[in-house]
Every structure is written in C-alpha cells, then in structure tokens.
Protein backbone atom coordinates (compact mmCIF):
# COMPACT_ATOMS: atom_id res chain seq x y z
CA UNK A 1 0.00 0.00 0.00
CA UNK A 2 2.81 2.38 0.88
CA UNK A 3 4.46 1.60 -2.47
CA UNK A 4 1.26 2.45 -4.34
CA UNK A 5 0.85 5.74 -2.51
CA UNK A 6 4.51 6.59 -3.08
CA UNK A 7 4.16 5.82 -6.79
CA UNK A 8 1.12 8.06 -7.09
CA UNK A 9 2.90 10.91 -5.30
CA UNK A 10 5.97 10.58 -7.55
CA UNK A 11 3.81 10.41 -10.71
CA UNK A 12 1.81 13.49 -9.67
CA UNK A 13 5.01 15.37 -8.95
CA UNK A 14 6.47 14.48 -12.36
CA UNK A 15 3.21 15.41 -14.10
CA UNK A 16 2.98 18.70 -12.24
CA UNK A 17 6.58 19.50 -13.06
CA UNK A 18 5.96 18.83 -16.75
CA UNK A 19 2.81 20.92 -16.62
CA UNK A 20 4.62 23.81 -14.93
CA UNK A 21 7.42 23.63 -17.50
CA UNK A 22 4.92 23.76 -20.39
CA UNK A 23 3.01 26.60 -18.74
CA UNK A 24 6.24 28.55 -18.26
CA UNK A 25 7.14 28.05 -21.93
CA UNK A 26 3.67 29.19 -23.03
CA UNK A 27 4.02 32.34 -20.93
CA UNK A 28 7.40 33.04 -22.49
CA UNK A 29 5.96 32.56 -25.98
CA UNK A 30 3.09 34.93 -25.21
CA UNK A 31 5.53 37.56 -23.91
CA UNK A 32 7.59 37.30 -27.10
CA UNK A 33 4.47 37.64 -29.28
CA UNK A 34 3.29 40.67 -27.31
CA UNK A 35 6.70 42.33 -27.62
CA UNK A 36 6.68 41.73 -31.37
CA UNK A 37 3.14 43.17 -31.62
CA UNK A 38 4.16 46.25 -29.61
CA UNK A 39 7.21 46.75 -31.80
CA UNK A 40 5.17 46.45 -34.99
CA UNK A 41 2.48 48.81 -33.64
CA UNK A 42 5.13 51.31 -32.57
CA UNK A 43 6.70 51.27 -36.04
CA UNK A 44 3.31 51.82 -37.74
CA UNK A 45 2.42 54.62 -35.32
CA UNK A 46 5.78 56.30 -35.86
CA UNK A 47 5.33 56.11 -39.63
CA UNK A 48 1.89 57.71 -39.45
CA UNK A 49 3.08 60.42 -37.06
CA UNK A 50 6.03 61.10 -39.33
CA UNK A 51 3.67 61.47 -42.30
CA UNK A 52 1.36 63.76 -40.33
CA UNK A 53 3.83 66.03 -38.57
CA UNK A 54 7.08 65.66 -40.49
CA UNK A 55 8.40 67.65 -37.54
CA UNK A 56 12.07 67.01 -38.34
CA UNK A 57 11.81 68.23 -41.96
CA UNK A 58 12.65 64.85 -43.39
CA UNK A 59 14.58 65.43 -46.61
CA UNK A 60 13.56 61.95 -47.79
CA UNK A 61 9.97 63.11 -48.39
CA UNK A 62 9.75 63.38 -52.18
CA UNK A 63 7.85 66.24 -53.81
CA UNK A 64 7.90 65.17 -57.43
CA UNK A 65 5.14 65.00 -60.04
CA UNK A 66 3.72 61.60 -60.96
CA UNK A 67 1.85 61.32 -64.29
CA UNK A 68 1.68 65.14 -64.52
CA UNK A 69 -0.12 65.50 -61.16
CA UNK A 70 0.92 68.17 -58.67
CA UNK A 71 3.87 67.45 -56.41
CA UNK A 72 1.73 67.26 -53.25
CA UNK A 73 -0.96 65.21 -55.00
CA UNK A 74 1.78 62.74 -56.02
CA UNK A 75 3.10 62.08 -52.50
CA UNK A 76 1.32 58.74 -52.12
CA UNK A 77 3.11 57.38 -55.19
CA UNK A 78 6.54 58.11 -53.69
CA UNK A 79 5.84 57.31 -50.03
CA UNK A 80 7.12 54.17 -48.31
CA UNK A 81 4.18 54.31 -45.90
CA UNK A 82 0.67 52.94 -46.43
CA UNK A 83 -0.93 56.26 -45.47
CA UNK A 84 0.10 59.50 -47.13
CA UNK A 85 -1.10 62.99 -46.22
CA UNK A 86 -0.49 66.16 -48.19
CA UNK A 87 -2.28 69.18 -49.54
CA UNK A 88 -2.13 72.81 -50.57
CA UNK A 89 -3.68 76.16 -49.80
CA UNK A 90 -4.03 79.72 -51.10
CA UNK A 91 -4.75 83.03 -49.38
CA UNK A 92 -5.53 86.10 -51.45
CA UNK A 93 -5.98 89.86 -51.28
CA UNK A 94 -7.49 91.62 -54.31
CA UNK A 95 -8.40 95.24 -55.01
CA UNK A 96 -10.12 96.44 -58.18
CA UNK A 97 -9.77 99.98 -59.44
CA UNK A 98 -13.06 101.51 -60.63
CA UNK A 99 -14.81 98.29 -61.56
CA UNK A 100 -18.20 99.07 -63.18
CA UNK A 101 -19.36 96.04 -65.16
CA UNK A 102 -22.09 94.77 -62.87
CA UNK A 103 -25.69 95.72 -63.53
CA UNK A 104 -26.16 97.65 -60.26
CA UNK A 105 -24.18 100.39 -58.54
CA UNK A 106 -24.40 98.51 -55.26
CA UNK A 107 -22.75 95.44 -56.79
CA UNK A 108 -20.03 97.56 -58.38
CA UNK A 109 -19.40 99.34 -55.09
CA UNK A 110 -18.95 96.00 -53.32
CA UNK A 111 -16.67 94.71 -56.07
CA UNK A 112 -14.42 97.76 -55.64
CA UNK A 113 -13.90 97.06 -51.95
CA UNK A 114 -10.77 95.18 -50.92
CA UNK A 115 -11.36 91.44 -50.96
CA UNK A 116 -9.46 89.06 -48.70
CA UNK A 117 -10.10 85.37 -48.79
CA UNK A 118 -8.98 81.84 -48.02
CA UNK A 119 -9.36 80.93 -51.68
CA UNK A 120 -8.94 77.25 -50.99
CA UNK A 121 -7.56 74.75 -48.52
CA UNK A 122 -7.11 71.28 -49.93
CA UNK A 123 -5.98 68.14 -48.08
CA UNK A 124 -4.87 65.03 -49.96
CA UNK A 125 -5.31 61.57 -48.46
CA UNK A 126 -3.59 58.63 -50.10
CA UNK A 127 -3.42 54.95 -49.23
CA UNK A 128 -1.28 52.14 -50.63
CA UNK A 129 -3.02 48.77 -50.48
CA UNK A 130 0.10 47.14 -51.88
CA UNK A 131 2.90 48.01 -54.30
CA UNK A 132 0.54 48.38 -57.29
CA UNK A 133 -2.88 49.53 -56.00
CA UNK A 134 -3.20 53.13 -54.79
CA UNK A 135 -6.12 55.23 -53.57
CA UNK A 136 -5.79 59.00 -53.89
CA UNK A 137 -8.32 61.63 -52.77
CA UNK A 138 -8.49 65.43 -52.81
CA UNK A 139 -10.98 67.29 -50.61
CA UNK A 140 -11.36 70.97 -51.42
CA UNK A 141 -12.66 73.68 -49.09
CA UNK A 142 -13.18 76.75 -51.27
CA UNK A 143 -13.65 80.27 -49.91
CA UNK A 144 -13.47 78.91 -46.38
CA UNK A 145 -15.90 76.00 -46.66
CA UNK A 146 -19.59 75.40 -47.26
CA UNK A 147 -22.62 77.33 -46.10
CA UNK A 148 -26.19 76.13 -45.76
CA UNK A 149 -28.12 79.35 -45.22
CA UNK A 150 -28.92 79.84 -48.91
CA UNK A 151 -26.83 83.00 -49.39
CA UNK A 152 -25.04 83.43 -52.70
CA UNK A 153 -21.54 83.84 -51.24
CA UNK A 154 -19.63 81.33 -53.38
CA UNK A 155 -18.10 78.67 -51.20
CA UNK A 156 -18.23 74.93 -50.89
CA UNK A 157 -16.60 71.74 -49.67
CA UNK A 158 -16.23 69.02 -52.28
CA UNK A 159 -14.36 65.85 -53.15
CA UNK A 160 -12.42 67.10 -56.17
CA UNK A 161 -11.01 63.70 -57.00
CA UNK A 162 -11.08 60.25 -55.48
CA UNK A 163 -9.88 57.27 -57.47
CA UNK A 164 -8.16 53.92 -57.47
CA UNK A 165 -4.98 53.60 -59.52
CA UNK A 166 -3.93 50.14 -60.65
CA UNK A 167 -0.22 50.51 -61.44
CA UNK A 168 0.16 47.39 -63.56
CA UNK A 169 3.49 48.55 -64.97
CA UNK A 170 5.21 51.82 -65.81
CA UNK A 171 3.95 51.73 -69.38
CA UNK A 172 0.33 50.95 -68.50
CA UNK A 173 -1.91 51.72 -65.54
CA UNK A 174 -5.67 52.09 -65.02
CA UNK A 175 -7.30 54.88 -63.02
CA UNK A 176 -11.00 54.68 -62.15
CA UNK A 177 -13.32 56.84 -60.06
CA UNK A 178 -13.79 60.59 -59.77
CA UNK A 179 -10.81 61.90 -61.69
CA UNK A 180 -9.13 65.07 -62.91
CA UNK A 181 -9.66 65.33 -66.66
CA UNK A 182 -6.22 65.08 -68.35
CA UNK A 183 -6.46 68.21 -70.48
CA UNK A 184 -4.21 71.26 -70.70
CA UNK A 185 -1.33 72.28 -68.47
CA UNK A 186 -3.06 73.44 -65.26
CA UNK A 187 -5.91 70.98 -64.71
CA UNK A 188 -3.76 68.04 -63.58
CA UNK A 189 -1.35 70.28 -61.68
CA UNK A 190 -3.25 73.25 -60.25
CA UNK A 191 -1.23 73.66 -57.06
CA UNK A 192 -0.17 77.30 -56.42
CA UNK A 193 3.57 76.64 -56.73
CA UNK A 194 3.04 75.32 -60.28
CA UNK A 195 2.28 78.70 -61.91
CA UNK A 196 3.74 82.17 -61.36
CA UNK A 197 0.73 84.49 -61.43
CA UNK A 198 -1.49 85.12 -58.42
CA UNK A 199 -4.44 83.49 -60.20
CA UNK A 200 -4.68 80.68 -62.73
CA UNK A 201 -4.56 81.67 -66.40
CA UNK A 202 -7.95 82.79 -67.74
CA UNK A 203 -7.60 80.54 -70.80
CA UNK A 204 -7.43 77.54 -68.47
CA UNK A 205 -10.45 78.76 -66.54
CA UNK A 206 -12.91 80.03 -69.17
CA UNK A 207 -12.15 77.60 -72.04
CA UNK A 208 -10.39 74.70 -70.32
CA UNK A 209 -12.56 74.63 -67.19
CA UNK A 210 -9.89 74.07 -64.55
CA UNK A 211 -10.42 72.52 -62.19
CA UNK A 212 -12.31 70.00 -64.34
CA UNK A 213 -13.16 66.78 -62.54
CA UNK A 214 -15.69 64.09 -63.37
CA UNK A 215 -16.25 60.34 -63.25
CA UNK A 216 -14.30 58.21 -65.67
CA UNK A 217 -11.82 55.52 -66.57
CA UNK A 218 -8.30 56.38 -67.76
CA UNK A 219 -5.33 54.44 -69.03
CA UNK A 220 -2.03 56.16 -68.39
CA UNK A 221 1.64 55.45 -68.33
CA UNK A 222 5.14 56.41 -69.41
CA UNK A 223 6.92 55.05 -72.47
CA UNK A 224 10.50 56.29 -72.66
CA UNK A 225 10.18 60.11 -72.47
CA UNK A 226 6.46 60.25 -73.27
CA UNK A 227 3.71 60.38 -70.64
CA UNK A 228 0.20 59.67 -71.86
CA UNK A 229 -3.44 59.51 -70.81
CA UNK A 230 -6.39 58.07 -72.75
CA UNK A 231 -9.88 57.22 -71.58
CA UNK A 232 -13.57 57.88 -71.30
CA UNK A 233 -15.28 60.40 -69.01
CA UNK A 234 -18.82 61.55 -68.30
CA UNK A 235 -19.72 64.61 -70.36
CA UNK A 236 -20.75 67.98 -68.91
CA UNK A 237 -24.43 68.98 -68.92
CA UNK A 238 -25.34 70.98 -72.04
CA UNK A 239 -28.28 72.53 -70.21
CA UNK A 240 -25.86 74.48 -68.02
CA UNK A 241 -23.68 75.87 -70.81
CA UNK A 242 -23.42 79.66 -70.53
CA UNK A 243 -22.58 82.50 -72.89
CA UNK A 244 -18.90 83.35 -72.71
CA UNK A 245 -17.93 80.30 -70.62
CA UNK A 246 -17.99 77.45 -73.18
CA UNK A 247 -18.63 74.20 -71.20
CA UNK A 248 -17.39 75.50 -67.82
CA UNK A 249 -20.76 75.73 -66.09
CA UNK A 250 -21.80 72.27 -67.28
CA UNK A 251 -19.32 70.41 -65.07
CA UNK A 252 -20.99 67.72 -62.98
CA UNK A 253 -20.24 66.62 -59.43
CA UNK A 254 -19.46 63.16 -58.11
CA UNK A 255 -23.06 61.88 -58.23
CA UNK A 256 -24.12 61.84 -61.86
CA UNK A 257 -27.15 60.67 -63.82
CA UNK A 258 -26.11 60.73 -67.48
CA UNK A 259 -25.56 58.50 -70.47
CA UNK A 260 -23.37 61.11 -72.19
CA UNK A 261 -19.68 60.31 -72.50
CA UNK A 262 -16.60 61.96 -73.96
CA UNK A 263 -13.23 60.61 -75.00
CA UNK A 264 -10.04 62.35 -73.91
CA UNK A 265 -6.35 61.86 -74.56
CA UNK A 266 -3.24 63.75 -73.51
CA UNK A 267 0.44 63.29 -74.20
CA UNK A 268 3.59 65.04 -72.98
CA UNK A 269 7.04 64.62 -74.50
CA UNK A 270 9.89 65.38 -72.11
CA UNK A 271 12.39 66.57 -74.72
CA UNK A 272 14.95 67.44 -72.04
CA UNK A 273 14.66 67.70 -68.25
CA UNK A 274 13.97 71.42 -68.77
CA UNK A 275 11.81 71.39 -71.91
CA UNK A 276 8.45 69.64 -72.37
CA UNK A 277 5.89 69.70 -75.17
CA UNK A 278 2.32 68.46 -74.76
CA UNK A 279 -1.08 68.24 -76.40
CA UNK A 280 -4.63 67.16 -75.52
CA UNK A 281 -7.79 66.22 -77.43
CA UNK A 282 -11.38 65.74 -76.27
CA UNK A 283 -14.46 64.71 -78.24
CA UNK A 284 -17.87 63.87 -76.85
CA UNK A 285 -21.61 64.35 -76.78
CA UNK A 286 -23.92 66.11 -74.37
CA UNK A 287 -27.64 66.55 -73.87
CA UNK A 288 -29.70 68.67 -71.52
CA UNK A 289 -30.34 67.19 -68.12
CA UNK A 290 -33.97 67.72 -67.20
CA UNK A 291 -33.43 66.25 -63.72
CA UNK A 292 -30.28 66.33 -61.64
CA UNK A 293 -31.54 63.22 -59.85
CA UNK A 294 -34.84 61.32 -59.97
CA UNK A 295 -37.60 63.75 -59.01
CA UNK A 296 -35.38 66.84 -58.85
CA UNK A 297 -36.06 69.00 -61.93
CA UNK A 298 -33.31 71.28 -63.28
CA UNK A 299 -35.75 73.71 -64.91
CA UNK A 300 -34.28 73.02 -68.36
CA UNK A 301 -36.32 71.25 -71.02
CA UNK A 302 -34.70 70.48 -74.38
CA UNK A 303 -33.98 67.54 -76.65
CA UNK A 304 -30.98 69.27 -78.24
CA UNK A 305 -28.00 67.02 -78.89
CA UNK A 306 -24.60 68.69 -78.74
CA UNK A 307 -21.16 67.50 -79.80
CA UNK A 308 -18.00 68.93 -78.23
CA UNK A 309 -14.47 69.09 -79.56
CA UNK A 310 -11.45 70.55 -77.79
CA UNK A 311 -7.76 70.60 -78.67
CA UNK A 312 -4.75 72.26 -77.08
CA UNK A 313 -0.99 72.30 -77.27
CA UNK A 314 1.39 73.59 -74.61
CA UNK A 315 5.05 73.74 -73.73
CA UNK A 316 7.19 74.65 -70.74
CA UNK A 317 10.84 75.55 -70.27
CA UNK A 318 12.48 75.74 -66.84
CA UNK A 319 16.21 76.36 -66.82
CA UNK A 320 18.89 79.08 -66.57
CA UNK A 321 16.62 81.12 -64.29
CA UNK A 322 13.71 81.06 -66.74
CA UNK A 323 10.24 79.62 -66.18
CA UNK A 324 8.26 79.88 -69.42
CA UNK A 325 4.79 78.46 -69.99
CA UNK A 326 2.65 78.73 -73.13
CA UNK A 327 -0.61 77.20 -74.30
CA UNK A 328 -3.01 77.55 -77.23
CA UNK A 329 -6.47 75.98 -77.39
CA UNK A 330 -9.42 75.71 -79.77
CA UNK A 331 -12.88 74.38 -78.96
CA UNK A 332 -16.10 73.87 -80.89
CA UNK A 333 -19.71 72.92 -80.22
CA UNK A 334 -21.64 71.09 -82.93
CA UNK A 335 -25.07 69.58 -83.38
CA UNK A 336 -28.19 71.43 -82.23
CA UNK A 337 -26.43 74.53 -80.86
CA UNK A 338 -29.02 76.96 -82.29
CA UNK A 339 -31.84 74.93 -80.78
CA UNK A 340 -30.00 74.74 -77.44
CA UNK A 341 -29.63 78.53 -77.37
CA UNK A 342 -33.36 78.96 -78.01
CA UNK A 343 -34.38 76.33 -75.44
CA UNK A 344 -32.26 77.71 -72.58
CA UNK A 345 -32.83 81.36 -73.58
CA UNK A 346 -29.16 82.27 -73.96
CA UNK A 347 -26.87 82.64 -76.97
CA UNK A 348 -24.18 79.96 -76.99
CA UNK A 349 -21.21 80.42 -79.31
CA UNK A 350 -20.19 77.45 -81.42
CA UNK A 351 -16.47 78.24 -81.41
CA UNK A 352 -13.95 79.61 -78.91
CA UNK A 353 -10.17 79.89 -78.81
CA UNK A 354 -7.44 81.33 -76.63
CA UNK A 355 -3.71 81.51 -76.00
CA UNK A 356 -1.36 82.61 -73.24
CA UNK A 357 2.34 83.10 -72.66
CA UNK A 358 3.87 83.39 -69.19
CA UNK A 359 7.53 84.34 -68.78
CA UNK A 360 9.29 84.38 -65.44
CA UNK A 361 12.95 85.13 -64.71
CA UNK A 362 14.58 84.47 -61.35
CA UNK A 363 16.63 87.56 -60.47
CA UNK A 364 18.49 85.54 -57.79
CA UNK A 365 19.69 82.90 -60.24
CA UNK A 366 23.27 84.23 -60.16
CA UNK A 367 23.44 84.07 -56.35
CA UNK A 368 24.17 81.08 -54.16
CA UNK A 369 20.71 80.81 -52.59
CA UNK A 370 17.76 78.44 -52.60
CA UNK A 371 15.38 81.41 -52.64
CA UNK A 372 13.84 82.46 -55.95
CA UNK A 373 12.29 85.78 -56.97
CA UNK A 374 10.70 85.74 -60.39
CA UNK A 375 9.90 88.81 -62.44
CA UNK A 376 6.69 87.72 -64.14
CA UNK A 377 4.89 88.84 -67.27
CA UNK A 378 1.84 87.18 -68.80
CA UNK A 379 -0.22 87.88 -71.91
CA UNK A 380 -3.51 86.13 -72.66
CA UNK A 381 -5.94 86.38 -75.54
CA UNK A 382 -9.47 84.94 -75.34
CA UNK A 383 -12.20 84.83 -77.97
CA UNK A 384 -15.22 83.26 -76.31
CA UNK A 385 -17.42 83.93 -79.39
CA UNK A 386 -15.36 83.28 -82.50
CA UNK A 387 -18.56 82.72 -84.52
CA UNK A 388 -20.04 86.09 -83.49
CA UNK A 389 -23.50 84.83 -82.56
CA UNK A 390 -23.93 86.46 -79.15
CA UNK A 391 -25.64 89.84 -78.83
CA UNK A 392 -22.49 91.65 -77.73
CA UNK A 393 -19.76 89.45 -79.18
CA UNK A 394 -16.94 91.83 -78.18
CA UNK A 395 -17.90 91.42 -74.53
CA UNK A 396 -16.58 87.89 -74.92
CA UNK A 397 -13.31 88.94 -76.57
CA UNK A 398 -10.45 90.35 -74.53
CA UNK A 399 -6.75 90.39 -73.76
CA UNK A 400 -5.34 90.08 -70.27
CA UNK A 401 -1.96 91.57 -69.30
CA UNK A 402 -0.32 90.72 -65.99
CA UNK A 403 2.99 91.86 -64.48
CA UNK A 404 4.35 91.09 -61.05
CA UNK A 405 6.65 89.14 -58.74
CA UNK A 406 6.67 85.60 -57.40
CA UNK A 407 8.87 84.90 -54.37
CA UNK A 408 9.72 81.32 -53.36
CA UNK A 409 11.43 81.28 -49.93
CA UNK A 410 11.06 77.51 -50.17
CA UNK A 411 10.08 75.32 -53.15
CA UNK A 412 6.84 74.52 -51.32
CA UNK A 413 5.88 78.14 -50.48
CA UNK A 414 5.21 81.10 -52.77
CA UNK A 415 4.13 84.71 -52.29
CA UNK A 416 2.92 86.50 -55.42
CA UNK A 417 2.00 90.09 -56.17
CA UNK A 418 0.83 91.28 -59.56
CA UNK A 419 -1.19 93.89 -61.39
CA UNK A 420 -3.57 92.73 -64.10
CA UNK A 421 -5.55 94.46 -66.83
CA UNK A 422 -8.42 92.99 -68.88
CA UNK A 423 -8.69 94.84 -72.19
CA UNK A 424 -12.03 94.21 -73.95
CA UNK A 425 -12.45 94.36 -77.73
CA UNK A 426 -13.30 97.68 -79.36
CA UNK A 427 -17.08 97.21 -79.64
CA UNK A 428 -17.58 95.84 -76.14
CA UNK A 429 -20.17 97.40 -73.86
CA UNK A 430 -18.03 96.42 -70.86
CA UNK A 431 -15.35 98.69 -69.42
CA UNK A 432 -11.77 97.51 -69.15
CA UNK A 433 -10.89 96.08 -65.74
CA UNK A 434 -7.73 96.30 -63.64
CA UNK A 435 -6.84 94.90 -60.24
CA UNK A 436 -3.94 94.46 -57.83
CA UNK A 437 -3.64 90.96 -56.36
CA UNK A 438 -1.44 89.48 -53.65
CA UNK A 439 -1.54 85.78 -52.86
CA UNK A 440 0.30 83.32 -50.62
CA UNK A 441 0.30 79.65 -51.52
CA UNK A 442 1.85 76.47 -50.21
CA UNK A 443 1.94 72.71 -50.62
CA UNK A 444 2.71 70.18 -47.90
C-alpha cells in the first residue's frame, strides 16, 4: 500500500513538473508575441506620425510629379508608408480699381472694396493597399468652406477627385473613379507653386474649365520620355452651358445621372529635363439634363444634342533662371447649338479659342541661394465667341496683361503680387478692368 501511494505521489510530482514547465514556456511565448506586436504597432504609429507632422523636416519626403499631377498630389506614389497625407492652400488679397461692369451700382461698389479670402484649402489623403494599387483623394474647401443658409456667397466643400490607380506597370496603368480630366497644363497640376501668377490663367479657366473633374476611366503610363493619358469620361451637362464660358458651367459633381460620354487623350514629350511639349484632345456628346436626380427638376427642357471638340498644345521651359509656360487651345460645339440657345434662352457660341504666354525670370539665379524671386509677365488672348452669334460678341473677346513678382522662400511656399488688366475688344459694352492681387500659396 505504501508503495502504491509513493508511486502516485511521484507520478503526480512528475506530471505537475511537466505541466509547470509547459506553462512557463507558453508564458514566455506569449511575452515574445506581445513584444513583437508592440514593436510592430510602434513602427506603424511612428510612420503615421512622421507622415502627419514631419516635424524634423525629413529630406527623404519626395515632392515630385507623378503622371503630370501636382507634387503634393503625387506624395502617395513616392511614399514608403501605407498612409500619405499632403495638400495645398491659397490666401488672397485683391483690389479692383473703378470696376463698373455689374448691372447695379451697389454690386459695383462691393466689387471695388478690398477682398481678402482663403481661396482654398485642400488636403490630400492617399493609401497604398500594396505596391501596385493606390487610392488618392483630394478634398477641397473653397472660400473657407460650405454654407447652408442659402446665401449666394460662393463657397463649398467638395471631393475634387477620389480614385483607385492600378499601377500594372510603368507603361500601363488604369485609373477609375472621380478623376481630374487630363487636359491642358493646369488641370492636372493646379497647385499654387506650379504657376507664377497670383491666379490661374484665364484661358485655363474660361475655355479649359480648370479645375475640371468628373467620373471616368483612364489608361495612363510612361513610355520612354512620353507620358500619356487616354480614356472615357462623363460629359458635362449641355443645359448648363453659358454664354462666354464654353462648357465650364456644365461640369458635374461626383453623383451623376447621365448616359453622355466623352473621350479624352493627352500626351507630354519630355524633350529634355527642362523642356516639355504636350497636347490634348477631347471629343464627346452632351444633352440637356432635365433632372439632376430622380424627381429633382433642373428647370431646363430640351432635346438638343450637342457635340464637343477641344484641342490644345502647350510647352514649358524651366532652366537658366527662366520659367516659361505657353498654351493655345481651340474648342467647338456642334449639333443642335441653335436649338439649345433657343431652349435655354441664352446665346451659346459654337467656337472659342485662346492663348497665353507666361515668362518668369529668377533675379536671384546668379546668387548662391535656394530662394527664388521671379519677375513675371503674362499675356492672354481669349475669344469666347469666335462665330459672333452672341448679342455683344466683343464682350466675350479680350486680352489680359499681368505683371508682377513671385517669391519662393522655399520650393513649397510662394508669395505672389501682380497687377492685371483685362482689355475688352473695341465694340464691347463692358469697361476695361484692372486689379492688384497678392496671394500666398503652399503645398505640404
């Protein structure tokens, strides 16, 4: 009996010892796993904080254009982190001298007062799912944000683009979602450090409706020294076309009800690192939207069918202290344009064209400094009624002359000051306009 009891005690002791040894090993394994999890979480948190604050001015952060996008908009493509944050902003002061082209004295008096504004603040949010799938989004707060009290003060908050990019290879990628239309020089890269004048060129506002964004599918890529885009986009709404603005007012938002599509292509040839030459084409069809969404009437009723054609060519040269930009564009509306004008009660010109030349020279180029101060001159010509069908055709024909300075204390910050004159054609009923503008812009 004693032997049996002794055997049981010994067996229990051995079993307990084995159990304690296994339990100890399990605890050690759990500790190691927890330490690894903490280390991984700390690394991810540090990466996100570095992207958000960049408090040590990390020189490794790359500000370089990808597929002709702005430098800040391209950050996600160059980042080693999953999450990428960037953006840009513009502040502006503007003062007209004796403006008198509004229909009421009260409106003219207000226009002649000094205007100060947060023109736009725009954050970018990017996310890398893996090494070939990227999400990129731009959220724009214009004139300080949105208002809901029904007043006409122009301001809004909007998703300006949000898309998925499938980077299959350098020569071929697919972009789908709410996209920037690849047309012209400014639309893809409209960040304030990308152009030298306080405001975007009028040609790329009135004719090429920058910023032009819509839903679509684009192929893009780089073959040797050529970058290209080609794809299909939703067309603007012909019912919102306006005299003197071509298709600008017909741009649609992110939620769209339309069967109308347009085809667009753009190519840029990087002749040298300093010299590029590009061109764009767009052709499509548009009809009048009678409802913006089911049950919500637009107030327009028409069965007019419109065709649209746009073409442009542009070049840029940046070297030896010079920054030179030039663009020329032609656009045409076809189809039932006369009927459209009658149905919406406004004369719409069938043909428009415009050109601009911007020349900047850095007066600090001979000095050993990273600062840049450009002397800037810009000339623009716009004919928003080349067919002469509007009641006062010369009101839609003008030159713009701008002269000023653009100071870059840092490549990501610019302060601009310029004086601009709009010179209307000889038979215009509008008076020439002139204004002094100061702006401060940045990307991050």
